[in-house]
Full PDB file with SEQRES, HELIX, SHEET, SSBOND, CRYST1, ORIGX, SCALE, CONECT and MASTER records, all heavy atoms in Angstrom:
SEQRES   1 A   34  ALA GLY LYS THR ASP GLN THR PRO ASP LEU VAL SER VAL          
SEQRES   2 A   34  CYS ARG ASP PHE LEU ARG ALA SER ILE ALA GLN SER ASN          
SEQRES   3 A   34  ASP PRO ALA LEU PRO ARG ASP THR                              
HELIX    1 AA1 THR A    7  ALA A   23  1                                  17    
CRYST1    1.000    1.000    1.000  90.00  90.00  90.00 P 1           1          
ORIGX1      1.000000  0.000000  0.000000        0.00000                         
ORIGX2      0.000000  1.000000  0.000000        0.00000                         
ORIGX3      0.000000  0.000000  1.000000        0.00000                         
SCALE1      1.000000  0.000000  0.000000        0.00000                         
SCALE2      0.000000  1.000000  0.000000        0.00000                         
SCALE3      0.000000  0.000000  1.000000        0.00000                         
ATOM      1  N   ALA A   1     -39.005 -15.337   2.817  1.00  0.00           N  
ATOM      2  CA  ALA A   1     -39.085 -15.201   4.333  1.00  0.00           C  
ATOM      3  C   ALA A   1     -39.341 -13.876   4.650  1.00  0.00           C  
ATOM      4  O   ALA A   1     -38.569 -12.907   4.450  1.00  0.00           O  
ATOM      5  CB  ALA A   1     -37.829 -15.637   4.967  1.00  0.00           C  
ATOM      6  N   GLY A   2     -40.609 -13.509   5.169  1.00  0.00           N  
ATOM      7  CA  GLY A   2     -40.932 -12.197   5.699  1.00  0.00           C  
ATOM      8  C   GLY A   2     -41.288 -11.168   4.690  1.00  0.00           C  
ATOM      9  O   GLY A   2     -41.301 -10.036   4.968  1.00  0.00           O  
ATOM     10  N   LYS A   3     -41.459 -11.616   3.436  1.00  0.00           N  
ATOM     11  CA  LYS A   3     -41.739 -10.595   2.412  1.00  0.00           C  
ATOM     12  C   LYS A   3     -43.159 -10.793   1.890  1.00  0.00           C  
ATOM     13  O   LYS A   3     -43.720 -11.931   1.825  1.00  0.00           O  
ATOM     14  CB  LYS A   3     -40.811 -10.784   1.180  1.00  0.00           C  
ATOM     15  CG  LYS A   3     -39.335 -10.534   1.567  1.00  0.00           C  
ATOM     16  CD  LYS A   3     -38.451 -10.430   0.427  1.00  0.00           C  
ATOM     17  CE  LYS A   3     -37.085  -9.988   0.792  1.00  0.00           C  
ATOM     18  NZ  LYS A   3     -36.197 -10.027  -0.202  1.00  0.00           N  
ATOM     19  N   THR A   4     -43.833  -9.660   1.533  1.00  0.00           N  
ATOM     20  CA  THR A   4     -45.140  -9.729   1.095  1.00  0.00           C  
ATOM     21  C   THR A   4     -45.205  -9.880  -0.415  1.00  0.00           C  
ATOM     22  O   THR A   4     -45.948 -10.783  -0.985  1.00  0.00           O  
ATOM     23  CB  THR A   4     -45.860  -8.435   1.409  1.00  0.00           C  
ATOM     24  OG1 THR A   4     -45.145  -7.311   0.920  1.00  0.00           O  
ATOM     25  CG2 THR A   4     -46.008  -8.393   2.966  1.00  0.00           C  
ATOM     26  N   ASP A   5     -44.342  -9.120  -1.275  1.00  0.00           N  
ATOM     27  CA  ASP A   5     -44.358  -9.322  -2.701  1.00  0.00           C  
ATOM     28  C   ASP A   5     -43.065 -10.135  -3.079  1.00  0.00           C  
ATOM     29  O   ASP A   5     -42.030  -9.657  -2.979  1.00  0.00           O  
ATOM     30  CB  ASP A   5     -44.321  -7.952  -3.358  1.00  0.00           C  
ATOM     31  CG  ASP A   5     -44.366  -8.094  -4.897  1.00  0.00           C  
ATOM     32  OD1 ASP A   5     -44.684  -9.136  -5.409  1.00  0.00           O  
ATOM     33  OD2 ASP A   5     -43.911  -7.081  -5.571  1.00  0.00           O  
ATOM     34  N   GLN A   6     -43.308 -11.294  -3.332  1.00  0.00           N  
ATOM     35  CA  GLN A   6     -42.346 -12.362  -3.707  1.00  0.00           C  
ATOM     36  C   GLN A   6     -42.022 -12.379  -5.037  1.00  0.00           C  
ATOM     37  O   GLN A   6     -41.177 -13.178  -5.505  1.00  0.00           O  
ATOM     38  CB  GLN A   6     -42.681 -13.755  -3.124  1.00  0.00           C  
ATOM     39  CG  GLN A   6     -42.919 -13.642  -1.605  1.00  0.00           C  
ATOM     40  CD  GLN A   6     -43.477 -15.022  -1.183  1.00  0.00           C  
ATOM     41  OE1 GLN A   6     -43.663 -15.891  -1.910  1.00  0.00           O  
ATOM     42  NE2 GLN A   6     -43.910 -15.005   0.144  1.00  0.00           N  
ATOM     43  N   THR A   7     -42.690 -11.770  -6.003  1.00  0.00           N  
ATOM     44  CA  THR A   7     -42.441 -11.913  -7.469  1.00  0.00           C  
ATOM     45  C   THR A   7     -41.121 -11.590  -7.905  1.00  0.00           C  
ATOM     46  O   THR A   7     -40.438 -12.435  -8.649  1.00  0.00           O  
ATOM     47  CB  THR A   7     -43.499 -11.038  -8.162  1.00  0.00           C  
ATOM     48  OG1 THR A   7     -44.765 -11.436  -7.799  1.00  0.00           O  
ATOM     49  CG2 THR A   7     -43.281 -11.161  -9.638  1.00  0.00           C  
ATOM     50  N   PRO A   8     -40.455 -10.410  -7.365  1.00  0.00           N  
ATOM     51  CA  PRO A   8     -38.975 -10.194  -7.935  1.00  0.00           C  
ATOM     52  C   PRO A   8     -38.122 -11.342  -7.580  1.00  0.00           C  
ATOM     53  O   PRO A   8     -37.216 -11.731  -8.351  1.00  0.00           O  
ATOM     54  CB  PRO A   8     -38.652  -8.878  -7.397  1.00  0.00           C  
ATOM     55  CG  PRO A   8     -39.971  -8.230  -7.025  1.00  0.00           C  
ATOM     56  CD  PRO A   8     -40.968  -9.392  -6.717  1.00  0.00           C  
ATOM     57  N   ASP A   9     -38.164 -11.849  -6.287  1.00  0.00           N  
ATOM     58  CA  ASP A   9     -37.261 -12.960  -5.825  1.00  0.00           C  
ATOM     59  C   ASP A   9     -37.524 -14.234  -6.492  1.00  0.00           C  
ATOM     60  O   ASP A   9     -36.642 -14.957  -6.928  1.00  0.00           O  
ATOM     61  CB  ASP A   9     -37.433 -13.070  -4.420  1.00  0.00           C  
ATOM     62  CG  ASP A   9     -36.971 -11.986  -3.464  1.00  0.00           C  
ATOM     63  OD1 ASP A   9     -36.017 -11.147  -3.950  1.00  0.00           O  
ATOM     64  OD2 ASP A   9     -37.512 -11.667  -2.529  1.00  0.00           O  
ATOM     65  N   LEU A  10     -38.719 -14.507  -6.781  1.00  0.00           N  
ATOM     66  CA  LEU A  10     -39.134 -15.702  -7.406  1.00  0.00           C  
ATOM     67  C   LEU A  10     -38.690 -15.707  -8.864  1.00  0.00           C  
ATOM     68  O   LEU A  10     -38.080 -16.602  -9.484  1.00  0.00           O  
ATOM     69  CB  LEU A  10     -40.692 -15.962  -7.394  1.00  0.00           C  
ATOM     70  CG  LEU A  10     -41.190 -17.268  -7.992  1.00  0.00           C  
ATOM     71  CD1 LEU A  10     -40.502 -18.547  -7.327  1.00  0.00           C  
ATOM     72  CD2 LEU A  10     -42.605 -17.374  -7.848  1.00  0.00           C  
ATOM     73  N   VAL A  11     -38.784 -14.609  -9.566  1.00  0.00           N  
ATOM     74  CA  VAL A  11     -38.357 -14.424 -10.951  1.00  0.00           C  
ATOM     75  C   VAL A  11     -36.806 -14.553 -11.026  1.00  0.00           C  
ATOM     76  O   VAL A  11     -36.278 -15.274 -11.906  1.00  0.00           O  
ATOM     77  CB  VAL A  11     -38.786 -13.034 -11.410  1.00  0.00           C  
ATOM     78  CG1 VAL A  11     -38.082 -12.708 -12.792  1.00  0.00           C  
ATOM     79  CG2 VAL A  11     -40.219 -13.090 -11.794  1.00  0.00           C  
ATOM     80  N   SER A  12     -36.100 -13.969 -10.024  1.00  0.00           N  
ATOM     81  CA  SER A  12     -34.800 -14.146 -10.020  1.00  0.00           C  
ATOM     82  C   SER A  12     -34.258 -15.468  -9.813  1.00  0.00           C  
ATOM     83  O   SER A  12     -33.273 -15.931 -10.520  1.00  0.00           O  
ATOM     84  CB  SER A  12     -34.102 -13.228  -8.962  1.00  0.00           C  
ATOM     85  OG  SER A  12     -32.798 -13.342  -8.769  1.00  0.00           O  
ATOM     86  N   VAL A  13     -34.818 -16.211  -8.912  1.00  0.00           N  
ATOM     87  CA  VAL A  13     -34.388 -17.639  -8.688  1.00  0.00           C  
ATOM     88  C   VAL A  13     -34.765 -18.448  -9.902  1.00  0.00           C  
ATOM     89  O   VAL A  13     -34.005 -19.299 -10.335  1.00  0.00           O  
ATOM     90  CB  VAL A  13     -35.247 -18.169  -7.454  1.00  0.00           C  
ATOM     91  CG1 VAL A  13     -35.111 -19.714  -7.329  1.00  0.00           C  
ATOM     92  CG2 VAL A  13     -34.749 -17.488  -6.149  1.00  0.00           C  
ATOM     93  N   CYS A  14     -35.872 -18.234 -10.583  1.00  0.00           N  
ATOM     94  CA  CYS A  14     -36.265 -18.983 -11.877  1.00  0.00           C  
ATOM     95  C   CYS A  14     -35.220 -18.757 -12.904  1.00  0.00           C  
ATOM     96  O   CYS A  14     -34.885 -19.548 -13.672  1.00  0.00           O  
ATOM     97  CB  CYS A  14     -37.576 -18.620 -12.215  1.00  0.00           C  
ATOM     98  SG  CYS A  14     -38.945 -19.354 -11.118  1.00  0.00           S  
ATOM     99  N   ARG A  15     -34.883 -17.435 -12.990  1.00  0.00           N  
ATOM    100  CA  ARG A  15     -33.832 -17.075 -14.117  1.00  0.00           C  
ATOM    101  C   ARG A  15     -32.413 -17.783 -13.657  1.00  0.00           C  
ATOM    102  O   ARG A  15     -31.833 -18.285 -14.650  1.00  0.00           O  
ATOM    103  CB  ARG A  15     -33.826 -15.555 -14.177  1.00  0.00           C  
ATOM    104  CG  ARG A  15     -35.024 -14.980 -14.758  1.00  0.00           C  
ATOM    105  CD  ARG A  15     -34.830 -13.507 -14.825  1.00  0.00           C  
ATOM    106  NE  ARG A  15     -33.677 -13.094 -15.671  1.00  0.00           N  
ATOM    107  CZ  ARG A  15     -33.661 -12.859 -16.981  1.00  0.00           C  
ATOM    108  NH1 ARG A  15     -34.776 -13.083 -17.649  1.00  0.00           N  
ATOM    109  NH2 ARG A  15     -32.603 -12.358 -17.628  1.00  0.00           N  
ATOM    110  N   ASP A  16     -32.183 -17.791 -12.531  1.00  0.00           N  
ATOM    111  CA  ASP A  16     -30.923 -18.498 -12.249  1.00  0.00           C  
ATOM    112  C   ASP A  16     -31.015 -20.033 -12.454  1.00  0.00           C  
ATOM    113  O   ASP A  16     -29.988 -20.569 -12.868  1.00  0.00           O  
ATOM    114  CB  ASP A  16     -30.564 -18.228 -10.628  1.00  0.00           C  
ATOM    115  CG  ASP A  16     -30.178 -16.832 -10.360  1.00  0.00           C  
ATOM    116  OD1 ASP A  16     -29.801 -16.100 -11.283  1.00  0.00           O  
ATOM    117  OD2 ASP A  16     -30.283 -16.443  -9.158  1.00  0.00           O  
ATOM    118  N   PHE A  17     -32.243 -20.522 -12.121  1.00  0.00           N  
ATOM    119  CA  PHE A  17     -32.363 -22.037 -12.414  1.00  0.00           C  
ATOM    120  C   PHE A  17     -32.238 -22.224 -13.941  1.00  0.00           C  
ATOM    121  O   PHE A  17     -31.532 -23.276 -14.429  1.00  0.00           O  
ATOM    122  CB  PHE A  17     -33.687 -22.404 -11.960  1.00  0.00           C  
ATOM    123  CG  PHE A  17     -34.102 -23.865 -12.370  1.00  0.00           C  
ATOM    124  CD1 PHE A  17     -33.477 -24.968 -11.795  1.00  0.00           C  
ATOM    125  CD2 PHE A  17     -34.975 -24.119 -13.448  1.00  0.00           C  
ATOM    126  CE1 PHE A  17     -33.864 -26.180 -12.275  1.00  0.00           C  
ATOM    127  CE2 PHE A  17     -35.372 -25.360 -13.827  1.00  0.00           C  
ATOM    128  CZ  PHE A  17     -34.732 -26.394 -13.241  1.00  0.00           C  
ATOM    129  N   LEU A  18     -32.755 -21.414 -14.835  1.00  0.00           N  
ATOM    130  CA  LEU A  18     -32.670 -21.513 -16.263  1.00  0.00           C  
ATOM    131  C   LEU A  18     -31.282 -21.391 -16.741  1.00  0.00           C  
ATOM    132  O   LEU A  18     -30.674 -22.072 -17.497  1.00  0.00           O  
ATOM    133  CB  LEU A  18     -33.574 -20.481 -16.941  1.00  0.00           C  
ATOM    134  CG  LEU A  18     -35.070 -20.848 -16.949  1.00  0.00           C  
ATOM    135  CD1 LEU A  18     -35.867 -19.704 -17.573  1.00  0.00           C  
ATOM    136  CD2 LEU A  18     -35.411 -22.137 -17.572  1.00  0.00           C  
ATOM    137  N   ARG A  19     -30.583 -20.411 -16.102  1.00  0.00           N  
ATOM    138  CA  ARG A  19     -29.108 -20.164 -16.384  1.00  0.00           C  
ATOM    139  C   ARG A  19     -28.300 -21.397 -16.139  1.00  0.00           C  
ATOM    140  O   ARG A  19     -27.549 -21.825 -16.979  1.00  0.00           O  
ATOM    141  CB  ARG A  19     -28.664 -18.912 -15.682  1.00  0.00           C  
ATOM    142  CG  ARG A  19     -27.180 -18.524 -16.072  1.00  0.00           C  
ATOM    143  CD  ARG A  19     -26.906 -17.169 -15.362  1.00  0.00           C  
ATOM    144  NE  ARG A  19     -27.738 -16.140 -15.770  1.00  0.00           N  
ATOM    145  CZ  ARG A  19     -28.544 -15.471 -15.016  1.00  0.00           C  
ATOM    146  NH1 ARG A  19     -28.613 -15.887 -13.672  1.00  0.00           N  
ATOM    147  NH2 ARG A  19     -29.318 -14.489 -15.447  1.00  0.00           N  
ATOM    148  N   ALA A  20     -28.605 -21.982 -15.115  1.00  0.00           N  
ATOM    149  CA  ALA A  20     -27.877 -23.205 -14.675  1.00  0.00           C  
ATOM    150  C   ALA A  20     -28.227 -24.426 -15.554  1.00  0.00           C  
ATOM    151  O   ALA A  20     -27.337 -25.178 -16.002  1.00  0.00           O  
ATOM    152  CB  ALA A  20     -28.120 -23.624 -13.226  1.00  0.00           C  
ATOM    153  N   SER A  21     -29.508 -24.493 -15.937  1.00  0.00           N  
ATOM    154  CA  SER A  21     -29.936 -25.585 -16.888  1.00  0.00           C  
ATOM    155  C   SER A  21     -29.307 -25.447 -18.180  1.00  0.00           C  
ATOM    156  O   SER A  21     -28.929 -26.414 -18.847  1.00  0.00           O  
ATOM    157  CB  SER A  21     -31.444 -25.462 -17.010  1.00  0.00           C  
ATOM    158  OG  SER A  21     -32.040 -25.788 -15.741  1.00  0.00           O  
ATOM    159  N   ILE A  22     -29.225 -24.215 -18.676  1.00  0.00           N  
ATOM    160  CA  ILE A  22     -28.555 -23.966 -19.999  1.00  0.00           C  
ATOM    161  C   ILE A  22     -27.085 -24.429 -20.002  1.00  0.00           C  
ATOM    162  O   ILE A  22     -26.539 -25.030 -20.863  1.00  0.00           O  
ATOM    163  CB  ILE A  22     -28.752 -22.393 -20.448  1.00  0.00           C  
ATOM    164  CG1 ILE A  22     -30.159 -22.127 -20.712  1.00  0.00           C  
ATOM    165  CG2 ILE A  22     -27.830 -22.244 -21.637  1.00  0.00           C  
ATOM    166  CD1 ILE A  22     -30.495 -20.685 -20.873  1.00  0.00           C  
ATOM    167  N   ALA A  23     -26.460 -23.987 -18.889  1.00  0.00           N  
ATOM    168  CA  ALA A  23     -24.936 -24.365 -18.769  1.00  0.00           C  
ATOM    169  C   ALA A  23     -24.752 -25.757 -18.653  1.00  0.00           C  
ATOM    170  O   ALA A  23     -23.659 -26.278 -19.168  1.00  0.00           O  
ATOM    171  CB  ALA A  23     -24.469 -23.534 -17.452  1.00  0.00           C  
ATOM    172  N   GLN A  24     -25.649 -26.585 -18.098  1.00  0.00           N  
ATOM    173  CA  GLN A  24     -25.485 -27.972 -17.954  1.00  0.00           C  
ATOM    174  C   GLN A  24     -26.163 -28.784 -19.115  1.00  0.00           C  
ATOM    175  O   GLN A  24     -25.902 -30.052 -19.114  1.00  0.00           O  
ATOM    176  CB  GLN A  24     -26.115 -28.435 -16.670  1.00  0.00           C  
ATOM    177  CG  GLN A  24     -25.395 -27.852 -15.379  1.00  0.00           C  
ATOM    178  CD  GLN A  24     -26.169 -28.195 -14.161  1.00  0.00           C  
ATOM    179  OE1 GLN A  24     -27.237 -28.808 -14.136  1.00  0.00           O  
ATOM    180  NE2 GLN A  24     -25.723 -27.640 -12.993  1.00  0.00           N  
ATOM    181  N   SER A  25     -26.721 -28.218 -20.136  1.00  0.00           N  
ATOM    182  CA  SER A  25     -27.360 -28.879 -21.195  1.00  0.00           C  
ATOM    183  C   SER A  25     -26.273 -29.514 -22.039  1.00  0.00           C  
ATOM    184  O   SER A  25     -25.315 -28.963 -22.374  1.00  0.00           O  
ATOM    185  CB  SER A  25     -28.244 -27.873 -21.905  1.00  0.00           C  
ATOM    186  OG  SER A  25     -28.761 -28.459 -23.035  1.00  0.00           O  
ATOM    187  N   ASN A  26     -26.759 -30.706 -22.466  1.00  0.00           N  
ATOM    188  CA  ASN A  26     -25.942 -31.489 -23.522  1.00  0.00           C  
ATOM    189  C   ASN A  26     -26.600 -31.359 -24.902  1.00  0.00           C  
ATOM    190  O   ASN A  26     -26.058 -32.094 -25.825  1.00  0.00           O  
ATOM    191  CB  ASN A  26     -25.810 -32.935 -23.041  1.00  0.00           C  
ATOM    192  CG  ASN A  26     -25.009 -33.110 -21.832  1.00  0.00           C  
ATOM    193  OD1 ASN A  26     -24.077 -32.386 -21.646  1.00  0.00           O  
ATOM    194  ND2 ASN A  26     -25.343 -34.119 -21.081  1.00  0.00           N  
ATOM    195  N   ASP A  27     -27.679 -30.589 -25.023  1.00  0.00           N  
ATOM    196  CA  ASP A  27     -28.260 -30.389 -26.295  1.00  0.00           C  
ATOM    197  C   ASP A  27     -27.391 -29.691 -27.308  1.00  0.00           C  
ATOM    198  O   ASP A  27     -27.157 -28.543 -27.001  1.00  0.00           O  
ATOM    199  CB  ASP A  27     -29.681 -29.756 -26.107  1.00  0.00           C  
ATOM    200  CG  ASP A  27     -30.469 -29.688 -27.315  1.00  0.00           C  
ATOM    201  OD1 ASP A  27     -30.035 -30.090 -28.440  1.00  0.00           O  
ATOM    202  OD2 ASP A  27     -31.636 -29.250 -27.217  1.00  0.00           O  
ATOM    203  N   PRO A  28     -27.012 -30.218 -28.443  1.00  0.00           N  
ATOM    204  CA  PRO A  28     -26.270 -29.543 -29.425  1.00  0.00           C  
ATOM    205  C   PRO A  28     -26.866 -28.248 -29.980  1.00  0.00           C  
ATOM    206  O   PRO A  28     -26.321 -27.363 -30.441  1.00  0.00           O  
ATOM    207  CB  PRO A  28     -25.881 -30.540 -30.492  1.00  0.00           C  
ATOM    208  CG  PRO A  28     -26.962 -31.564 -30.295  1.00  0.00           C  
ATOM    209  CD  PRO A  28     -27.331 -31.605 -28.874  1.00  0.00           C  
ATOM    210  N   ALA A  29     -28.239 -28.284 -29.994  1.00  0.00           N  
ATOM    211  CA  ALA A  29     -29.019 -27.122 -30.517  1.00  0.00           C  
ATOM    212  C   ALA A  29     -29.012 -25.918 -29.526  1.00  0.00           C  
ATOM    213  O   ALA A  29     -29.613 -24.866 -29.831  1.00  0.00           O  
ATOM    214  CB  ALA A  29     -30.409 -27.629 -30.886  1.00  0.00           C  
ATOM    215  N   LEU A  30     -28.598 -26.144 -28.368  1.00  0.00           N  
ATOM    216  CA  LEU A  30     -28.608 -25.056 -27.409  1.00  0.00           C  
ATOM    217  C   LEU A  30     -27.233 -24.756 -26.960  1.00  0.00           C  
ATOM    218  O   LEU A  30     -26.642 -25.386 -25.965  1.00  0.00           O  
ATOM    219  CB  LEU A  30     -29.467 -25.490 -26.110  1.00  0.00           C  
ATOM    220  CG  LEU A  30     -29.549 -24.609 -25.042  1.00  0.00           C  
ATOM    221  CD1 LEU A  30     -30.329 -23.321 -25.400  1.00  0.00           C  
ATOM    222  CD2 LEU A  30     -30.358 -25.144 -23.839  1.00  0.00           C  
ATOM    223  N   PRO A  31     -26.591 -23.814 -27.455  1.00  0.00           N  
ATOM    224  CA  PRO A  31     -25.278 -23.347 -27.055  1.00  0.00           C  
ATOM    225  C   PRO A  31     -25.229 -22.976 -25.670  1.00  0.00           C  
ATOM    226  O   PRO A  31     -26.166 -22.343 -25.065  1.00  0.00           O  
ATOM    227  CB  PRO A  31     -24.854 -22.213 -28.034  1.00  0.00           C  
ATOM    228  CG  PRO A  31     -25.927 -22.270 -29.126  1.00  0.00           C  
ATOM    229  CD  PRO A  31     -27.144 -22.907 -28.614  1.00  0.00           C  
ATOM    230  N   ARG A  32     -24.013 -23.330 -24.964  1.00  0.00           N  
ATOM    231  CA  ARG A  32     -23.987 -22.870 -23.544  1.00  0.00           C  
ATOM    232  C   ARG A  32     -23.951 -21.404 -23.284  1.00  0.00           C  
ATOM    233  O   ARG A  32     -24.101 -20.928 -22.089  1.00  0.00           O  
ATOM    234  CB  ARG A  32     -22.759 -23.529 -22.925  1.00  0.00           C  
ATOM    235  CG  ARG A  32     -22.899 -25.100 -22.842  1.00  0.00           C  
ATOM    236  CD  ARG A  32     -21.677 -25.819 -22.342  1.00  0.00           C  
ATOM    237  NE  ARG A  32     -21.715 -27.227 -22.551  1.00  0.00           N  
ATOM    238  CZ  ARG A  32     -21.948 -27.990 -21.492  1.00  0.00           C  
ATOM    239  NH1 ARG A  32     -21.991 -27.628 -20.382  1.00  0.00           N  
ATOM    240  NH2 ARG A  32     -22.047 -29.307 -21.764  1.00  0.00           N  
ATOM    241  N   ASP A  33     -23.612 -20.642 -24.290  1.00  0.00           N  
ATOM    242  CA  ASP A  33     -23.506 -19.196 -24.101  1.00  0.00           C  
ATOM    243  C   ASP A  33     -24.802 -18.543 -24.451  1.00  0.00           C  
ATOM    244  O   ASP A  33     -24.937 -17.285 -24.455  1.00  0.00           O  
ATOM    245  CB  ASP A  33     -22.374 -18.620 -24.955  1.00  0.00           C  
ATOM    246  CG  ASP A  33     -22.721 -18.817 -26.415  1.00  0.00           C  
ATOM    247  OD1 ASP A  33     -23.478 -19.665 -26.781  1.00  0.00           O  
ATOM    248  OD2 ASP A  33     -21.929 -18.114 -27.136  1.00  0.00           O  
ATOM    249  N   THR A  34     -25.997 -19.368 -24.539  1.00  0.00           N  
ATOM    250  CA  THR A  34     -27.312 -18.690 -24.832  1.00  0.00           C  
ATOM    251  C   THR A  34     -27.684 -17.895 -23.625  1.00  0.00           C  
ATOM    252  O   THR A  34     -27.659 -18.286 -22.501  1.00  0.00           O  
ATOM    253  CB  THR A  34     -28.362 -19.979 -25.009  1.00  0.00           C  
ATOM    254  OG1 THR A  34     -27.876 -20.591 -26.102  1.00  0.00           O  
ATOM    255  CG2 THR A  34     -29.642 -19.276 -25.363  1.00  0.00           C  
TER     256      THR A  34                                                      
MASTER        0    0    0    1    0    0    0    6  255    1    0    3          
END                                                                             
């Protein structure tokens, strides 16, 4: 909202999404502390 360069915010949100996906993963090959 109201920003011209959205890259840092978008990267931050994507990294948060990946962090949550890792924490919720049931894949035994992917430890939750990755």
